[in-house]
N, C-alpha and C. Protein backbone atom coordinates (compact mmCIF):
# COMPACT_ATOMS: atom_id res chain seq x y z
N UNK A 1 -3.70 -20.27 -25.13
CA UNK A 1 -3.84 -21.00 -24.22
C UNK A 1 -2.35 -20.84 -23.37
N UNK A 2 -1.69 -20.01 -23.79
CA UNK A 2 -0.40 -20.26 -22.79
C UNK A 2 -0.85 -18.75 -21.80
N UNK A 3 -1.37 -17.74 -22.43
CA UNK A 3 -1.87 -16.92 -21.70
C UNK A 3 -2.94 -17.20 -20.96
N UNK A 4 -4.15 -17.93 -20.49
CA UNK A 4 -4.71 -18.97 -19.68
C UNK A 4 -4.00 -19.61 -18.44
N UNK A 5 -2.82 -20.02 -19.04
CA UNK A 5 -2.08 -20.92 -18.07
C UNK A 5 -1.16 -19.97 -16.88
N UNK A 6 -0.61 -18.50 -18.00
CA UNK A 6 -0.13 -18.01 -17.29
C UNK A 6 -0.59 -17.37 -16.07
N UNK A 7 -1.96 -16.60 -16.41
CA UNK A 7 -2.65 -15.55 -15.58
C UNK A 7 -3.84 -17.00 -14.31
N UNK A 8 -3.84 -18.06 -14.82
CA UNK A 8 -4.20 -19.17 -13.60
C UNK A 8 -3.31 -18.89 -12.37
N UNK A 9 -1.82 -19.28 -13.14
CA UNK A 9 -0.40 -19.97 -12.28
C UNK A 9 -0.32 -18.42 -11.75
N UNK A 10 -0.39 -17.50 -12.25
CA UNK A 10 -0.26 -16.24 -11.48
C UNK A 10 -0.78 -15.85 -10.47
N UNK A 11 -2.76 -15.77 -10.51
CA UNK A 11 -3.17 -16.03 -9.69
C UNK A 11 -3.01 -16.88 -8.30
N UNK A 12 -2.87 -18.14 -8.96
CA UNK A 12 -2.47 -19.13 -7.59
C UNK A 12 -1.96 -18.45 -6.96
N UNK A 13 -0.41 -18.30 -7.17
CA UNK A 13 0.70 -17.67 -6.62
C UNK A 13 0.42 -16.59 -5.26
N UNK A 14 -0.56 -15.85 -6.21
CA UNK A 14 -0.91 -14.77 -5.47
C UNK A 14 -1.63 -14.69 -4.53
N UNK A 15 -2.48 -16.07 -4.28
CA UNK A 15 -3.33 -16.36 -3.45
C UNK A 15 -2.62 -16.99 -2.20
N UNK A 16 -1.71 -18.10 -2.85
CA UNK A 16 -0.87 -18.61 -2.24
C UNK A 16 0.38 -17.39 -1.48
N UNK A 17 0.66 -16.57 -1.87
CA UNK A 17 1.09 -15.57 -1.12
C UNK A 17 0.77 -14.58 0.26
N UNK A 18 -0.77 -14.74 -0.57
CA UNK A 18 -1.64 -13.31 0.50
C UNK A 18 -1.96 -14.69 2.07
N UNK A 19 -2.51 -16.02 1.29
CA UNK A 19 -2.63 -17.15 2.59
C UNK A 19 -1.54 -17.29 3.51
N UNK A 20 -0.49 -17.25 2.56
CA UNK A 20 0.85 -16.92 3.73
C UNK A 20 1.47 -16.09 4.75
N UNK A 21 0.47 -15.08 4.18
CA UNK A 21 1.44 -13.69 5.19
C UNK A 21 0.46 -13.36 6.47
N UNK A 22 1.35 -13.02 7.62
CA UNK A 22 0.94 -12.94 8.94
C UNK A 22 0.71 -11.27 8.54
N UNK A 23 -0.34 -11.02 9.62
CA UNK A 23 -0.79 -9.64 10.13
C UNK A 23 0.79 -8.50 9.85
N UNK A 24 0.01 -7.14 9.66
CA UNK A 24 1.29 -6.38 10.56
C UNK A 24 1.39 -6.28 11.93
N UNK A 25 2.60 -5.68 12.17
CA UNK A 25 2.73 -5.31 13.87
C UNK A 25 2.39 -3.90 13.68
N UNK A 26 1.46 -3.26 13.64
CA UNK A 26 1.01 -2.39 13.98
C UNK A 26 1.11 -1.64 15.83
N UNK A 27 0.83 -0.26 15.04
CA UNK A 27 0.98 0.19 17.06
C UNK A 27 -0.56 -0.17 17.62
N UNK A 28 -0.25 -0.50 18.48
CA UNK A 28 -1.89 -1.20 19.36
C UNK A 28 -2.48 0.55 19.88
N UNK A 29 -3.55 0.26 19.27
CA UNK A 29 -4.47 1.29 19.59
C UNK A 29 -6.15 1.18 20.58
N UNK A 30 -5.58 0.43 21.77
CA UNK A 30 -6.69 0.02 22.38
C UNK A 30 -6.66 1.54 23.58
N UNK A 31 -5.83 2.40 23.34
CA UNK A 31 -5.70 3.44 24.24
C UNK A 31 -6.96 3.67 24.45
N UNK A 32 -7.90 4.34 25.94
CA UNK A 32 -8.82 5.01 25.69
C UNK A 32 -8.63 6.41 26.17
N UNK A 33 -9.57 7.37 25.84
CA UNK A 33 -9.50 8.37 25.54
C UNK A 33 -9.42 8.80 26.79
N UNK A 34 -8.51 10.07 27.25
CA UNK A 34 -8.05 10.85 28.29
C UNK A 34 -7.55 11.90 28.92
N UNK A 35 -7.67 12.66 27.89
CA UNK A 35 -7.72 14.07 27.67
C UNK A 35 -9.16 14.84 28.97
N UNK A 36 -8.85 15.44 29.29
CA UNK A 36 -9.49 16.11 30.48
C UNK A 36 -10.78 16.89 29.80
N UNK A 37 -11.64 17.74 30.74
CA UNK A 37 -12.38 18.00 30.25
C UNK A 37 -12.03 19.62 29.67
N UNK A 38 -10.77 20.33 30.07
CA UNK A 38 -10.79 21.51 29.21
C UNK A 38 -10.68 21.32 27.81
N UNK A 39 -9.97 19.97 27.38
CA UNK A 39 -9.77 19.94 26.16
C UNK A 39 -10.85 19.99 25.35
N UNK A 40 -12.10 19.32 25.91
CA UNK A 40 -13.51 19.21 25.04
C UNK A 40 -14.17 20.61 25.20
N UNK A 41 -14.03 21.23 26.37
CA UNK A 41 -14.70 22.63 26.22
C UNK A 41 -13.65 23.58 25.34
N UNK A 42 -12.39 23.29 25.11
CA UNK A 42 -11.59 24.32 23.78
C UNK A 42 -12.33 24.13 22.44
N UNK A 43 -12.16 22.35 22.35
CA UNK A 43 -12.54 22.50 20.94
C UNK A 43 -14.30 22.57 20.45
N UNK A 44 -15.02 22.80 21.88
CA UNK A 44 -16.17 23.06 21.30
C UNK A 44 -16.10 24.84 21.20
N UNK A 45 -15.59 25.16 22.09
CA UNK A 45 -15.38 26.82 21.82
C UNK A 45 -15.26 27.21 20.22
N UNK A 46 -13.77 26.33 19.72
CA UNK A 46 -13.82 26.98 18.78
C UNK A 46 -14.59 26.36 17.53
N UNK A 47 -14.69 25.01 17.82
CA UNK A 47 -16.41 24.98 16.84
C UNK A 47 -17.36 25.89 16.91
N UNK A 48 -17.91 26.64 18.35
CA UNK A 48 -18.78 27.83 17.92
C UNK A 48 -18.48 28.92 17.58
N UNK A 49 -17.00 29.13 17.74
CA UNK A 49 -16.19 30.15 16.13
C UNK A 49 -16.41 30.07 15.14
N UNK A 50 -16.22 28.79 14.70
CA UNK A 50 -16.45 28.73 13.32
C UNK A 50 -17.80 29.05 12.84
N UNK A 51 -19.01 28.25 13.62
CA UNK A 51 -20.09 28.29 13.18
C UNK A 51 -20.79 29.72 13.12
N UNK A 52 -20.13 30.12 14.09
CA UNK A 52 -20.73 31.86 14.24
C UNK A 52 -20.34 33.02 13.16
N UNK A 53 -19.00 32.28 12.60
CA UNK A 53 -18.57 33.07 11.33
C UNK A 53 -18.84 32.63 9.94
N UNK A 54 -19.53 31.67 10.45
CA UNK A 54 -20.12 31.36 8.93
C UNK A 54 -21.78 31.91 8.30
N UNK A 55 -22.08 32.52 9.83
CA UNK A 55 -23.54 32.84 9.77
C UNK A 55 -23.86 34.01 8.89
N UNK A 56 -22.61 34.46 8.91
CA UNK A 56 -22.54 36.19 8.14
C UNK A 56 -22.28 35.95 6.37
N UNK A 57 -21.86 34.85 6.62
CA UNK A 57 -21.22 34.38 4.88
C UNK A 57 -21.95 34.43 4.43
N UNK A 58 -23.07 33.24 5.18
CA UNK A 58 -24.67 32.48 4.87
C UNK A 58 -25.23 33.27 3.82
N UNK A 59 -25.49 34.35 4.65
CA UNK A 59 -26.70 35.39 4.53
C UNK A 59 -25.93 36.67 3.28
N UNK A 60 -24.81 36.59 3.32
CA UNK A 60 -24.09 37.71 2.40
C UNK A 60 -24.27 36.42 0.91
N UNK A 61 -23.77 35.57 0.94
CA UNK A 61 -24.34 34.14 -0.35
C UNK A 61 -25.55 34.52 -0.66
N UNK A 62 -26.62 33.99 0.13
CA UNK A 62 -28.11 33.90 -0.07
C UNK A 62 -28.22 35.64 -0.55
N UNK A 63 -27.86 36.78 -0.32
CA UNK A 63 -28.02 37.92 -0.83
C UNK A 63 -27.59 38.40 -2.07
N UNK A 64 -26.13 38.04 -2.69
CA UNK A 64 -25.50 38.10 -3.49
C UNK A 64 -26.66 36.90 -4.56
N UNK A 65 -27.27 35.73 -4.11
CA UNK A 65 -27.93 35.16 -5.59
C UNK A 65 -29.20 35.79 -5.63
N UNK A 66 -29.87 36.06 -4.29
CA UNK A 66 -31.10 36.85 -4.67
C UNK A 66 -30.89 37.78 -5.75
N UNK A 67 -29.60 38.73 -5.52
CA UNK A 67 -29.77 39.93 -6.53
C UNK A 67 -29.60 39.51 -7.68
N UNK A 68 -28.43 37.86 -7.77
CA UNK A 68 -28.44 37.81 -9.38
C UNK A 68 -29.61 37.21 -9.88
N UNK A 69 -30.65 36.49 -9.59
CA UNK A 69 -31.58 36.20 -9.82
C UNK A 69 -32.67 37.47 -10.20
N UNK A 70 -32.75 38.37 -9.42
CA UNK A 70 -33.59 39.60 -9.29
C UNK A 70 -32.95 40.25 -11.05
N UNK A 71 -31.93 40.47 -10.83
CA UNK A 71 -31.16 41.14 -11.96
C UNK A 71 -31.52 40.28 -13.57
N UNK A 72 -31.19 39.03 -13.45
CA UNK A 72 -32.11 38.48 -14.58
C UNK A 72 -33.19 38.43 -15.14
N UNK A 73 -34.08 38.53 -13.94
CA UNK A 73 -35.72 38.61 -14.22
C UNK A 73 -36.17 40.05 -14.65
N UNK A 74 -35.26 41.04 -14.62
CA UNK A 74 -35.42 42.60 -14.50
C UNK A 74 -34.85 42.75 -16.24
N UNK A 75 -33.54 42.36 -16.63
CA UNK A 75 -33.22 42.20 -17.78
C UNK A 75 -34.03 41.46 -18.41
N UNK A 76 -34.73 40.33 -18.25
CA UNK A 76 -35.55 39.29 -19.03
C UNK A 76 -37.03 40.48 -19.74
N UNK A 77 -37.44 40.99 -18.45
CA UNK A 77 -38.26 42.33 -18.49
C UNK A 77 -38.28 43.34 -19.47
N UNK A 78 -36.88 43.74 -19.23
CA UNK A 78 -36.32 44.63 -20.75
C UNK A 78 -36.36 44.33 -21.31
N UNK A 79 -35.68 43.57 -22.61
CA UNK A 79 -35.49 42.59 -23.43
C UNK A 79 -36.96 42.36 -23.76
N UNK A 80 -38.23 41.77 -23.27
CA UNK A 80 -39.35 41.40 -23.76
C UNK A 80 -40.17 42.79 -23.94
N UNK A 81 -40.34 43.91 -23.47
CA UNK A 81 -40.43 45.11 -23.54
C UNK A 81 -40.48 46.21 -24.89
N UNK A 82 -39.30 45.62 -25.31
CA UNK A 82 -38.69 46.15 -26.58
C UNK A 82 -39.51 45.47 -27.49
């Protein structure tokens, strides 16, 4: 019974503490985006470079997976032929 009253008192104290606290004085984030068009062009160019470099990697990965699957099929055929 003592544990229940302690838990109730703790929850009540936390509720009162949270209700009485005020908001934090954080920095104002209402600034409007004011970077120029050149910044957006640069970010777009960097994104384009990343995408173009990913294309050969995806093709290589697909070839490796295809080779792995074909090797397993040929191994299965060799084992079943014996």
